[in-house]
Protein backbone atom coordinates (compact mmCIF):
# COMPACT_ATOMS: atom_id res chain seq x y z
CA UNK A 1 3.49 -4.31 16.64
CA UNK A 2 6.67 -3.45 18.50
CA UNK A 3 8.01 -0.37 20.25
CA UNK A 4 9.06 1.32 17.00
CA UNK A 5 7.44 -0.65 14.17
CA UNK A 6 3.75 -0.19 13.44
CA UNK A 7 1.65 -2.20 11.01
CA UNK A 8 3.65 -0.82 8.10
CA UNK A 9 7.08 0.20 9.30
CA UNK A 10 7.86 3.33 11.31
CA UNK A 11 5.74 6.38 10.51
CA UNK A 12 5.00 9.80 11.99
CA UNK A 13 5.75 13.51 11.77
CA UNK A 14 9.11 13.95 10.07
CA UNK A 15 11.82 15.51 12.24
CA UNK A 16 9.65 15.04 15.35
CA UNK A 17 8.59 11.38 15.44
CA UNK A 18 10.69 10.18 12.52
CA UNK A 19 13.99 11.96 13.11
CA UNK A 20 17.36 11.69 11.38
CA UNK A 21 18.74 10.24 14.61
CA UNK A 22 16.11 7.49 14.61
CA UNK A 23 16.64 6.83 10.90
CA UNK A 24 20.39 6.49 11.35
CA UNK A 25 20.07 4.25 14.40
CA UNK A 26 17.37 2.06 12.84
CA UNK A 27 19.29 1.61 9.59
CA UNK A 28 22.47 0.79 11.48
CA UNK A 29 20.66 -1.74 13.69
CA UNK A 30 19.09 -3.37 10.64
CA UNK A 31 22.46 -3.68 8.94
CA UNK A 32 24.06 -5.20 12.05
CA UNK A 33 21.28 -7.76 12.40
CA UNK A 34 21.44 -8.66 8.73
CA UNK A 35 25.22 -8.96 8.89
CA UNK A 36 24.86 -11.40 11.78
CA UNK A 37 22.58 -13.55 9.62
CA UNK A 38 24.67 -13.26 6.48
CA UNK A 39 27.86 -14.94 7.65
CA UNK A 40 31.01 -13.54 6.11
CA UNK A 41 29.29 -11.78 3.22
CA UNK A 42 29.13 -8.00 3.28
CA UNK A 43 25.45 -6.83 3.43
CA UNK A 44 23.95 -4.94 0.49
CA UNK A 45 21.07 -2.48 0.92
CA UNK A 46 18.94 -0.57 -1.59
CA UNK A 47 17.31 2.72 -0.60
CA UNK A 48 14.41 4.46 -2.33
CA UNK A 49 11.99 7.20 -1.35
CA UNK A 50 8.97 9.21 -2.36
CA UNK A 51 9.50 12.88 -3.30
CA UNK A 52 8.49 14.58 -0.04
CA UNK A 53 11.08 17.10 1.13
CA UNK A 54 11.97 15.34 4.37
CA UNK A 55 12.97 12.27 2.38
CA UNK A 56 16.22 13.95 1.40
CA UNK A 57 17.16 14.43 5.06
CA UNK A 58 16.12 10.92 6.08
CA UNK A 59 17.82 9.30 3.09
CA UNK A 60 21.14 10.84 4.16
CA UNK A 61 20.67 9.52 7.69
CA UNK A 62 19.70 6.02 6.54
CA UNK A 63 22.71 5.82 4.21
CA UNK A 64 24.99 6.93 7.04
CA UNK A 65 23.53 4.30 9.35
CA UNK A 66 23.82 1.48 6.84
CA UNK A 67 27.37 2.26 5.75
CA UNK A 68 28.56 2.86 9.32
CA UNK A 69 27.54 -0.74 10.07
CA UNK A 70 29.44 -2.06 7.06
CA UNK A 71 26.64 -2.38 4.48
CA UNK A 72 27.06 -1.25 0.90
CA UNK A 73 24.21 0.91 -0.41
CA UNK A 74 22.65 1.37 -3.84
CA UNK A 75 20.59 4.53 -4.10
CA UNK A 76 17.42 4.09 -6.17
CA UNK A 77 16.16 7.67 -5.95
CA UNK A 78 12.44 8.48 -6.13
CA UNK A 79 10.56 5.27 -6.93
CA UNK A 80 7.33 3.55 -5.82
CA UNK A 81 7.48 1.35 -2.74
CA UNK A 82 6.74 -1.82 -4.79
CA UNK A 83 9.62 -0.91 -7.10
CA UNK A 84 11.97 -0.95 -4.11
CA UNK A 85 10.56 -4.34 -3.09
CA UNK A 86 11.18 -5.72 -6.60
CA UNK A 87 14.65 -4.18 -6.84
CA UNK A 88 15.63 -5.63 -3.45
CA UNK A 89 15.12 -9.00 -5.10
CA UNK A 90 16.54 -7.95 -8.48
CA UNK A 91 19.85 -6.76 -7.04
CA UNK A 92 20.13 -9.58 -4.52
CA UNK A 93 20.09 -7.08 -1.65
CA UNK A 94 19.83 -8.12 1.97
CA UNK A 95 17.48 -5.25 2.82
CA UNK A 96 15.40 -2.67 1.01
CA UNK A 97 14.62 0.65 2.68
CA UNK A 98 11.75 2.91 1.62
CA UNK A 99 11.31 6.42 2.98
CA UNK A 100 7.64 7.23 2.53
CA UNK A 101 4.45 7.97 4.43
CA UNK A 102 2.30 6.65 1.58
CA UNK A 103 -1.06 8.47 1.52
CA UNK A 104 -0.29 10.65 4.57
CA UNK A 105 0.09 14.41 4.25
CA UNK A 106 3.47 15.89 3.32
CA UNK A 107 4.75 16.70 6.86
CA UNK A 108 4.74 12.98 7.73
CA UNK A 109 7.30 10.44 6.63
CA UNK A 110 8.13 6.84 7.36
CA UNK A 111 10.73 4.09 7.15
CA UNK A 112 9.73 0.73 5.71
CA UNK A 113 12.08 -2.25 5.46
CA UNK A 114 12.01 -5.19 3.07
CA UNK A 115 13.86 -8.42 3.75
CA UNK A 116 16.01 -10.32 1.27
CA UNK A 117 13.81 -11.30 -1.68
CA UNK A 118 11.70 -8.14 -1.37
CA UNK A 119 9.29 -9.44 1.27
CA UNK A 120 8.08 -7.58 4.32
CA UNK A 121 10.09 -8.25 7.45
CA UNK A 122 8.82 -11.21 9.47
CA UNK A 123 7.85 -10.36 13.04
CA UNK A 124 10.83 -12.16 14.56
CA UNK A 125 13.29 -10.17 12.44
CA UNK A 126 11.52 -6.89 13.29
CA UNK A 127 11.84 -7.81 16.98
CA UNK A 128 15.51 -8.61 16.56
CA UNK A 129 16.13 -5.24 14.89
CA UNK A 130 14.21 -3.44 17.64
CA UNK A 131 16.28 -5.21 20.31
CA UNK A 132 19.47 -4.24 18.49
CA UNK A 133 18.24 -0.65 18.19
CA UNK A 134 17.58 -0.47 21.92
CA UNK A 135 21.02 -1.92 22.74
CA UNK A 136 22.83 0.60 20.57
CA UNK A 137 26.39 -0.07 19.49
CA UNK A 138 27.43 -3.11 21.50
CA UNK A 139 30.12 -4.33 19.13
CA UNK A 140 33.19 -2.97 17.39
CA UNK A 141 32.50 -0.52 14.57
CA UNK A 142 33.78 -1.34 11.07
CA UNK A 143 36.83 0.69 10.06
CA UNK A 144 38.89 1.14 6.93
CA UNK A 145 37.75 -1.01 4.02
CA UNK A 146 35.00 -2.54 6.18
CA UNK A 147 32.96 0.70 6.08
CA UNK A 148 30.17 0.47 3.52
CA UNK A 149 30.26 2.18 0.12
CA UNK A 150 27.52 4.07 -1.76
CA UNK A 151 26.60 3.92 -5.45
CA UNK A 152 23.63 4.88 -7.59
CA UNK A 153 21.54 2.25 -9.35
CA UNK A 154 21.21 4.03 -12.69
CA UNK A 155 19.27 1.16 -14.28
CA UNK A 156 16.66 0.90 -11.51
CA UNK A 157 13.74 2.48 -13.40
CA UNK A 158 14.31 0.41 -16.53
CA UNK A 159 14.66 -2.80 -14.54
CA UNK A 160 11.34 -2.20 -12.78
CA UNK A 161 9.48 -1.19 -15.95
CA UNK A 162 10.88 -4.16 -17.88
CA UNK A 163 9.64 -6.47 -15.12
CA UNK A 164 6.10 -5.06 -15.17
CA UNK A 165 5.87 -5.25 -18.95
CA UNK A 166 7.19 -8.83 -18.91
CA UNK A 167 4.49 -10.02 -16.49
CA UNK A 168 1.73 -8.16 -18.34
CA UNK A 169 1.88 -9.12 -22.03
CA UNK A 170 -1.70 -7.96 -22.73
CA UNK A 171 -1.61 -4.92 -25.04
CA UNK A 172 -3.57 -1.89 -23.84
CA UNK A 173 -3.98 -0.52 -27.37
CA UNK A 174 -7.26 1.39 -27.57
CA UNK A 175 -7.52 2.09 -23.82
CA UNK A 176 -7.55 5.80 -22.96
CA UNK A 177 -6.68 6.49 -19.32
CA UNK A 178 -6.22 9.54 -17.10
CA UNK A 179 -3.56 8.85 -14.46
CA UNK A 180 -3.31 10.82 -11.21
CA UNK A 181 0.20 10.35 -9.79
CA UNK A 182 -0.57 12.20 -6.51
CA UNK A 183 2.59 14.28 -7.08
CA UNK A 184 4.27 11.25 -5.58
CA UNK A 185 6.54 8.38 -6.49
CA UNK A 186 4.36 7.27 -9.43
CA UNK A 187 5.35 10.50 -11.19
CA UNK A 188 8.69 8.96 -12.19
CA UNK A 189 7.31 5.85 -13.88
CA UNK A 190 3.52 5.59 -14.33
CA UNK A 191 2.95 7.48 -17.58
CA UNK A 192 5.85 5.85 -19.42
CA UNK A 193 4.81 2.40 -18.18
CA UNK A 194 1.21 2.67 -19.39
CA UNK A 195 2.34 4.15 -22.71
CA UNK A 196 4.83 1.30 -23.19
CA UNK A 197 1.93 -1.09 -22.63
CA UNK A 198 0.02 0.61 -25.46
CA UNK A 199 -2.43 2.86 -23.60
CA UNK A 200 -3.32 6.42 -24.57
CA UNK A 201 -2.34 8.31 -21.42
CA UNK A 202 -3.32 11.67 -19.98
CA UNK A 203 -1.24 12.28 -16.86
CA UNK A 204 -1.95 14.72 -14.01
CA UNK A 205 -0.40 15.53 -10.62
CA UNK A 206 2.99 14.37 -11.90
CA UNK A 207 5.06 17.40 -10.93
CA UNK A 208 6.27 16.79 -7.36
CA UNK A 209 8.10 19.69 -5.72
CA UNK A 210 8.71 18.08 -2.33
CA UNK A 211 5.66 19.73 -0.77
CA UNK A 212 2.63 18.89 -2.91
CA UNK A 213 2.48 15.11 -2.48
CA UNK A 214 -1.13 13.96 -1.82
CA UNK A 215 -2.21 17.61 -1.64
CA UNK A 216 -5.78 17.44 -2.95
CA UNK A 217 -4.81 14.73 -5.43
CA UNK A 218 -4.30 10.98 -5.57
CA UNK A 219 -6.33 8.06 -4.28
CA UNK A 220 -7.46 9.92 -1.15
CA UNK A 221 -8.82 12.86 -3.22
CA UNK A 222 -10.38 11.16 -6.21
CA UNK A 223 -13.10 13.69 -7.06
CA UNK A 224 -11.01 15.80 -9.41
CA UNK A 225 -9.90 12.71 -11.33
CA UNK A 226 -13.53 11.73 -11.97
CA UNK A 227 -14.18 15.12 -13.57
CA UNK A 228 -11.04 14.85 -15.74
CA UNK A 229 -12.00 11.40 -17.03
CA UNK A 230 -15.31 12.78 -18.27
CA UNK A 231 -13.65 15.92 -19.67
CA UNK A 232 -11.09 13.92 -21.67
CA UNK A 233 -13.54 11.25 -22.83
CA UNK A 234 -11.33 8.59 -21.27
CA UNK A 235 -12.25 4.95 -20.67
CA UNK A 236 -11.12 5.15 -17.05
CA UNK A 237 -9.01 6.99 -14.53
CA UNK A 238 -6.34 5.57 -12.24
CA UNK A 239 -5.51 7.23 -8.92
CA UNK A 240 -2.30 6.31 -7.13
CA UNK A 241 -1.28 7.23 -3.60
CA UNK A 242 2.00 8.89 -2.63
CA UNK A 243 4.16 5.76 -2.85
CA UNK A 244 2.09 4.00 -5.54
CA UNK A 245 1.54 0.75 -3.68
CA UNK A 246 -2.19 1.09 -4.26
CA UNK A 247 -4.59 2.31 -6.90
CA UNK A 248 -8.25 3.17 -7.16
CA UNK A 249 -10.14 3.77 -10.39
CA UNK A 250 -13.05 5.68 -11.89
CA UNK A 251 -15.08 4.51 -14.87
CA UNK A 252 -15.92 6.54 -17.99
CA UNK A 253 -18.85 8.21 -16.25
CA UNK A 254 -16.70 9.28 -13.29
CA UNK A 255 -18.07 6.67 -10.86
CA UNK A 256 -15.48 5.42 -8.36
CA UNK A 257 -14.34 1.80 -8.64
CA UNK A 258 -12.87 0.82 -5.29
CA UNK A 259 -10.44 -1.86 -4.21
CA UNK A 260 -13.20 -4.43 -3.62
CA UNK A 261 -14.40 -4.06 -7.18
CA UNK A 262 -10.88 -4.10 -8.62
CA UNK A 263 -10.10 -7.24 -6.62
CA UNK A 264 -13.33 -8.89 -7.79
CA UNK A 265 -12.62 -8.05 -11.45
CA UNK A 266 -9.10 -9.46 -11.24
CA UNK A 267 -10.20 -12.56 -9.29
CA UNK A 268 -12.87 -13.37 -11.87
CA UNK A 269 -10.34 -12.92 -14.68
CA UNK A 270 -7.84 -15.27 -13.05
CA UNK A 271 -10.56 -17.85 -12.46
CA UNK A 272 -11.62 -17.69 -16.13
CA UNK A 273 -8.01 -18.44 -17.11
CA UNK A 274 -7.79 -21.28 -14.59
CA UNK A 275 -4.94 -19.69 -12.62
CA UNK A 276 -6.74 -18.56 -9.45
CA UNK A 277 -5.22 -21.01 -7.01
CA UNK A 278 -7.91 -23.05 -5.21
CA UNK A 279 -10.47 -20.57 -6.60
CA UNK A 280 -9.83 -18.49 -3.47
CA UNK A 281 -9.12 -14.80 -2.93
CA UNK A 282 -7.92 -13.09 0.26
CA UNK A 283 -9.66 -9.95 1.55
CA UNK A 284 -9.88 -8.09 4.86
CA UNK A 285 -12.74 -7.57 7.27
CA UNK A 286 -13.27 -4.12 5.69
CA UNK A 287 -14.40 -5.60 2.36
CA UNK A 288 -18.02 -4.82 1.58
CA UNK A 289 -20.56 -7.62 1.97
CA UNK A 290 -21.39 -7.05 -1.67
CA UNK A 291 -17.88 -8.25 -2.54
CA UNK A 292 -18.49 -11.52 -0.70
CA UNK A 293 -21.82 -11.99 -2.50
CA UNK A 294 -20.15 -11.32 -5.86
CA UNK A 295 -17.40 -13.84 -5.25
CA UNK A 296 -19.90 -16.47 -4.15
CA UNK A 297 -21.89 -15.90 -7.35
CA UNK A 298 -18.89 -16.80 -9.55
CA UNK A 299 -17.69 -19.72 -7.44
CA UNK A 300 -14.81 -18.02 -5.63
CA UNK A 301 -14.15 -18.51 -1.91
CA UNK A 302 -13.02 -15.58 0.24
CA UNK A 303 -10.44 -15.95 3.02
CA UNK A 304 -10.79 -13.01 5.44
CA UNK A 305 -7.95 -11.40 7.43
CA UNK A 306 -7.41 -8.42 9.72
CA UNK A 307 -6.95 -5.04 8.05
CA UNK A 308 -3.50 -4.39 6.63
CA UNK A 309 -1.75 -5.59 3.51
CA UNK A 310 0.82 -7.42 5.66
CA UNK A 311 -1.97 -9.69 6.93
CA UNK A 312 -3.24 -10.25 3.41
CA UNK A 313 0.27 -11.19 2.33
CA UNK A 314 0.75 -13.49 5.33
CA UNK A 315 -2.44 -15.36 4.40
CA UNK A 316 -1.44 -15.57 0.74
CA UNK A 317 1.95 -16.98 1.71
CA UNK A 318 0.66 -19.39 4.34
CA UNK A 319 -2.06 -20.77 2.05
CA UNK A 320 -0.10 -20.63 -1.19
CA UNK A 321 -2.72 -18.44 -2.89
CA UNK A 322 -2.41 -16.12 -5.85
CA UNK A 323 -4.49 -13.00 -5.19
CA UNK A 324 -5.57 -10.80 -2.30
CA UNK A 325 -6.23 -7.19 -1.48
CA UNK A 326 -7.95 -4.43 0.42
CA UNK A 327 -10.83 -2.07 -0.24
CA UNK A 328 -8.31 0.79 -0.09
CA UNK A 329 -6.70 -0.40 -3.33
CA UNK A 330 -3.80 -2.54 -2.12
CA UNK A 331 -3.85 -5.61 -4.37
CA UNK A 332 -1.21 -8.34 -4.28
CA UNK A 333 -0.56 -10.69 -7.21
CA UNK A 334 1.84 -13.30 -5.91
CA UNK A 335 2.89 -14.43 -9.39
CA UNK A 336 4.49 -11.05 -10.05
CA UNK A 337 5.09 -9.14 -6.80
CA UNK A 338 5.94 -9.57 -3.15
CA UNK A 339 3.79 -6.64 -2.01
CA UNK A 340 0.90 -4.47 -3.16
CA UNK A 341 1.78 -2.69 -6.41
CA UNK A 342 -0.56 -0.01 -7.73
CA UNK A 343 1.04 0.08 -11.18
CA UNK A 344 0.83 -3.69 -11.58
CA UNK A 345 -2.80 -3.56 -10.44
CA UNK A 346 -3.63 -0.82 -12.93
CA UNK A 347 -2.00 -2.75 -15.78
CA UNK A 348 -4.00 -5.86 -14.96
CA UNK A 349 -7.25 -3.94 -14.53
CA UNK A 350 -6.83 -2.29 -17.92
CA UNK A 351 -5.76 -5.65 -19.31
CA UNK A 352 -9.14 -7.09 -18.26
CA UNK A 353 -10.85 -4.30 -20.20
CA UNK A 354 -8.71 -4.87 -23.28
CA UNK A 355 -9.08 -8.67 -23.12
CA UNK A 356 -12.87 -8.71 -22.71
CA UNK A 357 -13.78 -5.59 -24.70
CA UNK A 358 -16.01 -4.59 -21.79
CA UNK A 359 -16.08 -1.18 -20.11
CA UNK A 360 -14.89 -0.74 -16.56
CA UNK A 361 -18.46 -0.03 -15.45
CA UNK A 362 -19.61 -3.34 -16.93
CA UNK A 363 -16.79 -5.25 -15.24
CA UNK A 364 -17.30 -3.51 -11.89
CA UNK A 365 -21.03 -4.27 -11.90
CA UNK A 366 -20.23 -7.77 -10.62
CA UNK A 367 -20.09 -6.16 -7.14
CA UNK A 368 -23.36 -4.71 -5.86
CA UNK A 369 -22.08 -2.80 -2.87
CA UNK A 370 -24.16 -2.44 0.26
CA UNK A 371 -24.43 1.19 1.36
CA UNK A 372 -21.33 1.84 3.43
CA UNK A 373 -19.65 4.70 5.25
CA UNK A 374 -16.22 4.97 6.80
CA UNK A 375 -15.66 7.74 9.36
CA UNK A 376 -12.17 8.58 10.63
CA UNK A 377 -12.31 9.84 14.22
CA UNK A 378 -9.27 11.68 15.61
CA UNK A 379 -8.48 10.46 19.12
CA UNK A 380 -5.78 11.11 21.68
CA UNK A 381 -5.55 7.52 22.94
CA UNK A 382 -6.57 4.55 20.76
CA UNK A 383 -6.17 2.16 23.69
CA UNK A 384 -8.66 4.13 25.79
CA UNK A 385 -11.21 3.84 23.00
CA UNK A 386 -10.71 0.08 22.85
CA UNK A 387 -11.24 -0.21 26.62
CA UNK A 388 -14.21 2.18 26.84
CA UNK A 389 -17.47 0.67 28.14
CA UNK A 390 -19.40 3.51 26.47
CA UNK A 391 -17.91 2.69 23.08
CA UNK A 392 -18.59 -1.02 23.55
CA UNK A 393 -22.22 -0.29 24.42
CA UNK A 394 -22.65 2.04 21.43
CA UNK A 395 -21.26 -0.58 19.07
CA UNK A 396 -23.53 -3.27 20.50
CA UNK A 397 -26.58 -1.01 20.16
CA UNK A 398 -25.65 -0.37 16.52
CA UNK A 399 -25.17 -4.08 15.82
CA UNK A 400 -28.56 -4.86 17.35
CA UNK A 401 -30.21 -2.21 15.16
CA UNK A 402 -28.53 -3.51 12.00
CA UNK A 403 -29.28 -7.16 12.65
CA UNK A 404 -28.52 -9.38 9.65
CA UNK A 405 -28.92 -6.52 7.16
CA UNK A 406 -25.56 -4.87 7.89
CA UNK A 407 -22.59 -4.66 10.20
CA UNK A 408 -20.41 -2.26 12.17
CA UNK A 409 -16.65 -2.42 12.61
CA UNK A 410 -14.29 -0.26 14.69
CA UNK A 411 -10.61 -0.33 13.84
CA UNK A 412 -7.70 1.73 15.17
CA UNK A 413 -5.39 3.04 12.47
CA UNK A 414 -1.98 1.42 12.47
CA UNK A 415 -0.22 4.62 11.35
CA UNK A 416 -2.23 7.58 12.71
CA UNK A 417 -4.07 8.63 15.89
CA UNK A 418 -7.41 7.68 14.36
CA UNK A 419 -10.16 5.17 15.00
CA UNK A 420 -12.08 4.17 11.88
CA UNK A 421 -15.81 3.53 12.19
CA UNK A 422 -17.22 1.47 9.32
CA UNK A 423 -20.94 0.82 8.95
CA UNK A 424 -22.83 -1.12 6.27
CA UNK A 425 -26.62 -1.04 6.21
CA UNK A 426 -29.60 -1.62 3.96
CA UNK A 427 -29.78 2.13 3.23
CA UNK A 428 -27.19 4.89 3.09
CA UNK A 429 -29.26 7.03 5.45
CA UNK A 430 -29.21 4.33 8.12
CA UNK A 431 -25.48 3.70 7.66
CA UNK A 432 -24.73 7.45 7.92
CA UNK A 433 -26.87 7.92 11.02
CA UNK A 434 -25.36 4.97 12.90
CA UNK A 435 -21.82 5.94 11.93
CA UNK A 436 -22.31 9.52 13.13
CA UNK A 437 -23.77 8.30 16.41
CA UNK A 438 -20.95 5.85 17.16
CA UNK A 439 -18.26 8.28 15.94
CA UNK A 440 -19.60 10.83 18.41
CA UNK A 441 -19.13 8.39 21.28
CA UNK A 442 -15.64 7.43 20.09
CA UNK A 443 -14.61 11.09 19.78
CA UNK A 444 -15.75 11.86 23.32
CA UNK A 445 -13.46 9.32 24.97
């Protein structure tokens, strides 16, 4: 991570951490760097956002920064983050900009950049942009016809939906689904996509007003969706986050199906079709041990990375693999996307149900999860926690108690002032007790 970029772009409290001034300067620096790599060709940028109110302010600043550096801009409007990634490639743009704080509460916002082709920025290009940002304007400004122009990409939604339908030919006829759009970016596309694929759709939390994104809804508040699935007699529920780059699910009984289970279902399906490259799937250290056992039972190897979809994608790219994901619901299918796409994941999950005729509960049963708890501890200094002898001792005591029957993992959040304490154990009571004990030590630092 650099001075400005975290694990997933720049994120923080809008108008305090993520200001219009920063947005303008960052966009301008990105355009200047890209122009220096692009030779004589004028850079093209696409800009999309989620519906939170501060996105309007930041979009204006980003557009000003890009055009002031000589880049032309196509405005995509409110669209999921993976749609912006796809459309960066579709329009042949040099950079894609997303204004979103994903699952964070409404007051936050963020700036995420995609490179040409719709991929996440490589570390060296991020560093180059940061250096340019710190230097400020050190070259002549474009004037006259060299100043960038702005247009709207009126066909953006159709282009993205057409792509997803094209890479998912399996009909979803007969599948009844309740979709929670988190009052976020999925609200513009999710219901019409799943209906075009043949599903019977009940849609909720699809009325964003700029303030209600992720407010008691979406993948971080899945309880209400479980009740609605049962109420509507649906086969499953799909919960997106604010920018729709992830999804979680609930089965017909209302039981949660997490990212590990979704990844396992999709990996097994690809293996059955003979298209799971090297019979290997990529997961992070947060994946439940039950996921690893399930993959071993069906002859699939697991390559483990650090937490963060960028690390999953790096491993997929480096190893030439086809599928990877996180317990949180980020799943990456390299045959169809350059980043995690919650709508693509939902289509393929429902496609597995339609193809096999099996319920989601039956498919998810391949993973027998060990009891697990994840506690988010608010801290003032993540580095102090990492360096604390008391925390180290508490973690070692917990590991000794768990032995071979479980594990403990501490991980600082890449986007918030949180340290996550994850414990797996042979019983939920033991996992809860150990997590509370360690979280108490972490919170006292």
